[in-house]
Amino acid sequence: MFIQLNDRVYLNLNRITRTKIDHVEDGIRVRFYEGKDQVAKSKRFDTVEDANKWLEGFLNIKG
């Protein structure tokens, strides 16, 4: 099942094996992985709680 992450990126949820909320140089982002390879990352968030709330909503609405 393909879902739209943003205006340029579509993810195949059937191939996503894990997600990770991570601190990166410009803030906090949700990373999407297929096996060991990162295939996409979300917009920037200010807090881990905001990222977690977005991810839960994203997976509930899209999945």
PDB file of N, CA and C in Angstrom:
ATOM      1  N   MET A   1       0.839  -1.166   0.000  1.00  0.00           N
ATOM      2  CA  MET A   1       0.000   0.000   0.000  1.00  0.00           C
ATOM      3  C   MET A   1       0.893   1.242   0.000  1.00  0.00           C
ATOM      4  N   PHE A   2       0.736   2.078  -1.007  1.00  0.00           N
ATOM      5  CA  PHE A   2       1.498   3.312  -1.100  1.00  0.00           C
ATOM      6  C   PHE A   2       0.748   4.439  -0.408  1.00  0.00           C
ATOM      7  N   ILE A   3       1.480   5.226   0.366  1.00  0.00           N
ATOM      8  CA  ILE A   3       0.902   6.400   1.013  1.00  0.00           C
ATOM      9  C   ILE A   3       1.794   7.599   0.737  1.00  0.00           C
ATOM     10  N   GLN A   4       1.197   8.779   0.738  1.00  0.00           N
ATOM     11  CA  GLN A   4       1.945   9.991   0.441  1.00  0.00           C
ATOM     12  C   GLN A   4       2.507  10.574   1.730  1.00  0.00           C
ATOM     13  N   LEU A   5       3.840  10.675   1.794  1.00  0.00           N
ATOM     14  CA  LEU A   5       4.503  11.265   2.950  1.00  0.00           C
ATOM     15  C   LEU A   5       4.483  12.781   2.848  1.00  0.00           C
ATOM     16  N   ASN A   6       4.767  13.292   1.665  1.00  0.00           N
ATOM     17  CA  ASN A   6       4.699  14.734   1.400  1.00  0.00           C
ATOM     18  C   ASN A   6       4.431  14.919  -0.090  1.00  0.00           C
ATOM     19  N   ASP A   7       4.628  16.128  -0.594  1.00  0.00           N
ATOM     20  CA  ASP A   7       4.280  16.387  -1.994  1.00  0.00           C
ATOM     21  C   ASP A   7       5.194  15.683  -2.996  1.00  0.00           C
ATOM     22  N   ARG A   8       6.330  15.140  -2.570  1.00  0.00           N
ATOM     23  CA  ARG A   8       7.256  14.484  -3.493  1.00  0.00           C
ATOM     24  C   ARG A   8       7.537  13.028  -3.180  1.00  0.00           C
ATOM     25  N   VAL A   9       7.114  12.541  -2.005  1.00  0.00           N
ATOM     26  CA  VAL A   9       7.522  11.202  -1.566  1.00  0.00           C
ATOM     27  C   VAL A   9       6.308  10.334  -1.260  1.00  0.00           C
ATOM     28  N   TYR A  10       6.309   9.135  -1.843  1.00  0.00           N
ATOM     29  CA  TYR A  10       5.319   8.107  -1.529  1.00  0.00           C
ATOM     30  C   TYR A  10       6.059   6.934  -0.908  1.00  0.00           C
ATOM     31  N   LEU A  11       5.482   6.357   0.153  1.00  0.00           N
ATOM     32  CA  LEU A  11       6.073   5.208   0.822  1.00  0.00           C
ATOM     33  C   LEU A  11       5.225   3.973   0.567  1.00  0.00           C
ATOM     34  N   ASN A  12       5.879   2.832   0.393  1.00  0.00           N
ATOM     35  CA  ASN A  12       5.187   1.558   0.322  1.00  0.00           C
ATOM     36  C   ASN A  12       5.195   0.989   1.739  1.00  0.00           C
ATOM     37  N   LEU A  13       4.076   1.125   2.453  1.00  0.00           N
ATOM     38  CA  LEU A  13       4.015   0.686   3.852  1.00  0.00           C
ATOM     39  C   LEU A  13       4.273  -0.804   4.004  1.00  0.00           C
ATOM     40  N   ASN A  14       3.999  -1.580   2.985  1.00  0.00           N
ATOM     41  CA  ASN A  14       4.248  -3.020   3.069  1.00  0.00           C
ATOM     42  C   ASN A  14       5.740  -3.337   3.162  1.00  0.00           C
ATOM     43  N   ARG A  15       6.593  -2.425   2.745  1.00  0.00           N
ATOM     44  CA  ARG A  15       8.038  -2.672   2.755  1.00  0.00           C
ATOM     45  C   ARG A  15       8.741  -2.007   3.926  1.00  0.00           C
ATOM     46  N   ILE A  16       8.066  -1.107   4.644  1.00  0.00           N
ATOM     47  CA  ILE A  16       8.682  -0.433   5.789  1.00  0.00           C
ATOM     48  C   ILE A  16       8.789  -1.440   6.932  1.00  0.00           C
ATOM     49  N   THR A  17      10.028  -1.668   7.389  1.00  0.00           N
ATOM     50  CA  THR A  17      10.248  -2.650   8.445  1.00  0.00           C
ATOM     51  C   THR A  17      10.355  -2.008   9.818  1.00  0.00           C
ATOM     52  N   ARG A  18      10.718  -0.721   9.870  1.00  0.00           N
ATOM     53  CA  ARG A  18      10.795  -0.040  11.154  1.00  0.00           C
ATOM     54  C   ARG A  18      10.801   1.463  10.948  1.00  0.00           C
ATOM     55  N   THR A  19      10.465   2.160  12.020  1.00  0.00           N
ATOM     56  CA  THR A  19      10.550   3.617  12.040  1.00  0.00           C
ATOM     57  C   THR A  19      11.372   4.004  13.259  1.00  0.00           C
ATOM     58  N   LYS A  20      11.955   5.188  13.207  1.00  0.00           N
ATOM     59  CA  LYS A  20      12.793   5.647  14.303  1.00  0.00           C
ATOM     60  C   LYS A  20      12.638   7.154  14.438  1.00  0.00           C
ATOM     61  N   ILE A  21      12.389   7.623  15.656  1.00  0.00           N
ATOM     62  CA  ILE A  21      12.376   9.057  15.923  1.00  0.00           C
ATOM     63  C   ILE A  21      13.783   9.411  16.361  1.00  0.00           C
ATOM     64  N   ASP A  22      14.415  10.330  15.639  1.00  0.00           N
ATOM     65  CA  ASP A  22      15.840  10.575  15.822  1.00  0.00           C
ATOM     66  C   ASP A  22      16.153  12.064  15.844  1.00  0.00           C
ATOM     67  N   HIS A  23      17.139  12.426  16.637  1.00  0.00           N
ATOM     68  CA  HIS A  23      17.655  13.791  16.646  1.00  0.00           C
ATOM     69  C   HIS A  23      18.678  13.924  15.525  1.00  0.00           C
ATOM     70  N   VAL A  24      18.450  14.859  14.618  1.00  0.00           N
ATOM     71  CA  VAL A  24      19.383  15.114  13.533  1.00  0.00           C
ATOM     72  C   VAL A  24      19.839  16.568  13.628  1.00  0.00           C
ATOM     73  N   GLU A  25      20.699  16.984  12.723  1.00  0.00           N
ATOM     74  CA  GLU A  25      21.304  18.312  12.783  1.00  0.00           C
ATOM     75  C   GLU A  25      20.285  19.436  12.872  1.00  0.00           C
ATOM     76  N   ASP A  26      19.191  19.320  12.142  1.00  0.00           N
ATOM     77  CA  ASP A  26      18.238  20.429  12.087  1.00  0.00           C
ATOM     78  C   ASP A  26      17.006  20.219  12.957  1.00  0.00           C
ATOM     79  N   GLY A  27      16.979  19.209  13.804  1.00  0.00           N
ATOM     80  CA  GLY A  27      15.844  18.982  14.694  1.00  0.00           C
ATOM     81  C   GLY A  27      15.549  17.513  14.872  1.00  0.00           C
ATOM     82  N   ILE A  28      14.296  17.201  15.124  1.00  0.00           N
ATOM     83  CA  ILE A  28      13.848  15.829  15.350  1.00  0.00           C
ATOM     84  C   ILE A  28      13.040  15.390  14.138  1.00  0.00           C
ATOM     85  N   ARG A  29      13.337  14.212  13.634  1.00  0.00           N
ATOM     86  CA  ARG A  29      12.637  13.682  12.461  1.00  0.00           C
ATOM     87  C   ARG A  29      12.283  12.216  12.677  1.00  0.00           C
ATOM     88  N   VAL A  30      11.260  11.763  11.968  1.00  0.00           N
ATOM     89  CA  VAL A  30      10.902  10.349  11.942  1.00  0.00           C
ATOM     90  C   VAL A  30      11.558   9.757  10.701  1.00  0.00           C
ATOM     91  N   ARG A  31      12.318   8.687  10.892  1.00  0.00           N
ATOM     92  CA  ARG A  31      12.983   8.021   9.775  1.00  0.00           C
ATOM     93  C   ARG A  31      12.279   6.713   9.470  1.00  0.00           C
ATOM     94  N   PHE A  32      12.175   6.398   8.190  1.00  0.00           N
ATOM     95  CA  PHE A  32      11.515   5.176   7.730  1.00  0.00           C
ATOM     96  C   PHE A  32      12.561   4.282   7.087  1.00  0.00           C
ATOM     97  N   TYR A  33      12.534   2.986   7.448  1.00  0.00           N
ATOM     98  CA  TYR A  33      13.545   2.039   6.978  1.00  0.00           C
ATOM     99  C   TYR A  33      12.917   0.847   6.273  1.00  0.00           C
ATOM    100  N   GLU A  34      13.625   0.372   5.240  1.00  0.00           N
ATOM    101  CA  GLU A  34      13.378  -0.922   4.613  1.00  0.00           C
ATOM    102  C   GLU A  34      14.603  -1.756   4.942  1.00  0.00           C
ATOM    103  N   GLY A  35      14.452  -2.671   5.885  1.00  0.00           N
ATOM    104  CA  GLY A  35      15.617  -3.425   6.358  1.00  0.00           C
ATOM    105  C   GLY A  35      16.567  -2.491   7.075  1.00  0.00           C
ATOM    106  N   LYS A  36      17.823  -2.469   6.659  1.00  0.00           N
ATOM    107  CA  LYS A  36      18.798  -1.586   7.287  1.00  0.00           C
ATOM    108  C   LYS A  36      18.926  -0.241   6.577  1.00  0.00           C
ATOM    109  N   ASP A  37      18.263  -0.076   5.450  1.00  0.00           N
ATOM    110  CA  ASP A  37      18.399   1.135   4.645  1.00  0.00           C
ATOM    111  C   ASP A  37      17.299   2.155   4.946  1.00  0.00           C
ATOM    112  N   GLN A  38      17.723   3.393   5.216  1.00  0.00           N
ATOM    113  CA  GLN A  38      16.761   4.471   5.391  1.00  0.00           C
ATOM    114  C   GLN A  38      16.226   4.878   4.030  1.00  0.00           C
ATOM    115  N   VAL A  39      14.903   4.940   3.896  1.00  0.00           N
ATOM    116  CA  VAL A  39      14.309   5.266   2.603  1.00  0.00           C
ATOM    117  C   VAL A  39      13.623   6.626   2.595  1.00  0.00           C
ATOM    118  N   ALA A  40      13.301   7.177   3.775  1.00  0.00           N
ATOM    119  CA  ALA A  40      12.648   8.487   3.824  1.00  0.00           C
ATOM    120  C   ALA A  40      12.743   9.041   5.233  1.00  0.00           C
ATOM    121  N   LYS A  41      12.514  10.348   5.338  1.00  0.00           N
ATOM    122  CA  LYS A  41      12.403  10.964   6.652  1.00  0.00           C
ATOM    123  C   LYS A  41      11.328  12.040   6.586  1.00  0.00           C
ATOM    124  N   SER A  42      10.752  12.305   7.729  1.00  0.00           N
ATOM    125  CA  SER A  42       9.622  13.227   7.817  1.00  0.00           C
ATOM    126  C   SER A  42      10.095  14.676   7.900  1.00  0.00           C
ATOM    127  N   LYS A  43       9.109  15.561   8.045  1.00  0.00           N
ATOM    128  CA  LYS A  43       9.420  16.967   8.312  1.00  0.00           C
ATOM    129  C   LYS A  43      10.076  17.094   9.682  1.00  0.00           C
ATOM    130  N   ARG A  44      10.563  18.270   9.999  1.00  0.00           N
ATOM    131  CA  ARG A  44      11.241  18.535  11.268  1.00  0.00           C
ATOM    132  C   ARG A  44      10.226  18.812  12.368  1.00  0.00           C
ATOM    133  N   PHE A  45      10.510  18.305  13.568  1.00  0.00           N
ATOM    134  CA  PHE A  45       9.676  18.543  14.744  1.00  0.00           C
ATOM    135  C   PHE A  45      10.523  19.174  15.840  1.00  0.00           C
ATOM    136  N   ASP A  46       9.859  19.891  16.745  1.00  0.00           N
ATOM    137  CA  ASP A  46      10.564  20.531  17.848  1.00  0.00           C
ATOM    138  C   ASP A  46      10.771  19.593  19.031  1.00  0.00           C
ATOM    139  N   THR A  47       9.841  18.655  19.253  1.00  0.00           N
ATOM    140  CA  THR A  47       9.955  17.729  20.382  1.00  0.00           C
ATOM    141  C   THR A  47       9.682  16.296  19.919  1.00  0.00           C
ATOM    142  N   VAL A  48      10.178  15.357  20.695  1.00  0.00           N
ATOM    143  CA  VAL A  48       9.943  13.938  20.421  1.00  0.00           C
ATOM    144  C   VAL A  48       8.449  13.637  20.545  1.00  0.00           C
ATOM    145  N   GLU A  49       7.782  14.262  21.496  1.00  0.00           N
ATOM    146  CA  GLU A  49       6.352  14.053  21.686  1.00  0.00           C
ATOM    147  C   GLU A  49       5.566  14.471  20.438  1.00  0.00           C
ATOM    148  N   ASP A  50       5.935  15.615  19.842  1.00  0.00           N
ATOM    149  CA  ASP A  50       5.274  16.065  18.612  1.00  0.00           C
ATOM    150  C   ASP A  50       5.486  15.060  17.486  1.00  0.00           C
ATOM    151  N   ALA A  51       6.705  14.539  17.363  1.00  0.00           N
ATOM    152  CA  ALA A  51       7.014  13.561  16.318  1.00  0.00           C
ATOM    153  C   ALA A  51       6.230  12.271  16.530  1.00  0.00           C
ATOM    154  N   ASN A  52       6.146  11.827  17.774  1.00  0.00           N
ATOM    155  CA  ASN A  52       5.411  10.602  18.083  1.00  0.00           C
ATOM    156  C   ASN A  52       3.920  10.769  17.793  1.00  0.00           C
ATOM    157  N   LYS A  53       3.355  11.910  18.155  1.00  0.00           N
ATOM    158  CA  LYS A  53       1.940  12.172  17.893  1.00  0.00           C
ATOM    159  C   LYS A  53       1.678  12.199  16.381  1.00  0.00           C
ATOM    160  N   TRP A  54       2.568  12.835  15.626  1.00  0.00           N
ATOM    161  CA  TRP A  54       2.420  12.881  14.171  1.00  0.00           C
ATOM    162  C   TRP A  54       2.482  11.481  13.573  1.00  0.00           C
ATOM    163  N   LEU A  55       3.468  10.672  14.021  1.00  0.00           N
ATOM    164  CA  LEU A  55       3.634   9.315  13.488  1.00  0.00           C
ATOM    165  C   LEU A  55       2.408   8.460  13.775  1.00  0.00           C
ATOM    166  N   GLU A  56       1.890   8.515  14.994  1.00  0.00           N
ATOM    167  CA  GLU A  56       0.703   7.737  15.323  1.00  0.00           C
ATOM    168  C   GLU A  56      -0.480   8.157  14.460  1.00  0.00           C
ATOM    169  N   GLY A  57      -0.681   9.451  14.293  1.00  0.00           N
ATOM    170  CA  GLY A  57      -1.758   9.940  13.442  1.00  0.00           C
ATOM    171  C   GLY A  57      -1.555   9.546  11.991  1.00  0.00           C
ATOM    172  N   PHE A  58      -0.334   9.654  11.513  1.00  0.00           N
ATOM    173  CA  PHE A  58       0.001   9.317  10.124  1.00  0.00           C
ATOM    174  C   PHE A  58      -0.287   7.849   9.854  1.00  0.00           C
ATOM    175  N   LEU A  59       0.118   6.970  10.740  1.00  0.00           N
ATOM    176  CA  LEU A  59      -0.099   5.544  10.520  1.00  0.00           C
ATOM    177  C   LEU A  59      -1.558   5.148  10.697  1.00  0.00           C
ATOM    178  N   ASN A  60      -2.282   5.798  11.584  1.00  0.00           N
ATOM    179  CA  ASN A  60      -3.705   5.496  11.766  1.00  0.00           C
ATOM    180  C   ASN A  60      -4.542   5.974  10.596  1.00  0.00           C
ATOM    181  N   ILE A  61      -4.255   7.159  10.101  1.00  0.00           N
ATOM    182  CA  ILE A  61      -5.030   7.715   9.003  1.00  0.00           C
ATOM    183  C   ILE A  61      -4.686   7.012   7.686  1.00  0.00           C
ATOM    184  N   LYS A  62      -3.403   6.823   7.431  1.00  0.00           N
ATOM    185  CA  LYS A  62      -2.957   6.271   6.161  1.00  0.00           C
ATOM    186  C   LYS A  62      -3.018   4.754   6.138  1.00  0.00           C
ATOM    187  N   GLY A  63      -2.784   4.107   7.273  1.00  0.00           N
ATOM    188  CA  GLY A  63      -2.716   2.652   7.291  1.00  0.00           C
ATOM    189  C   GLY A  63      -4.015   2.090   7.634  1.00  0.00           C
TER     190      GLY A  63
END
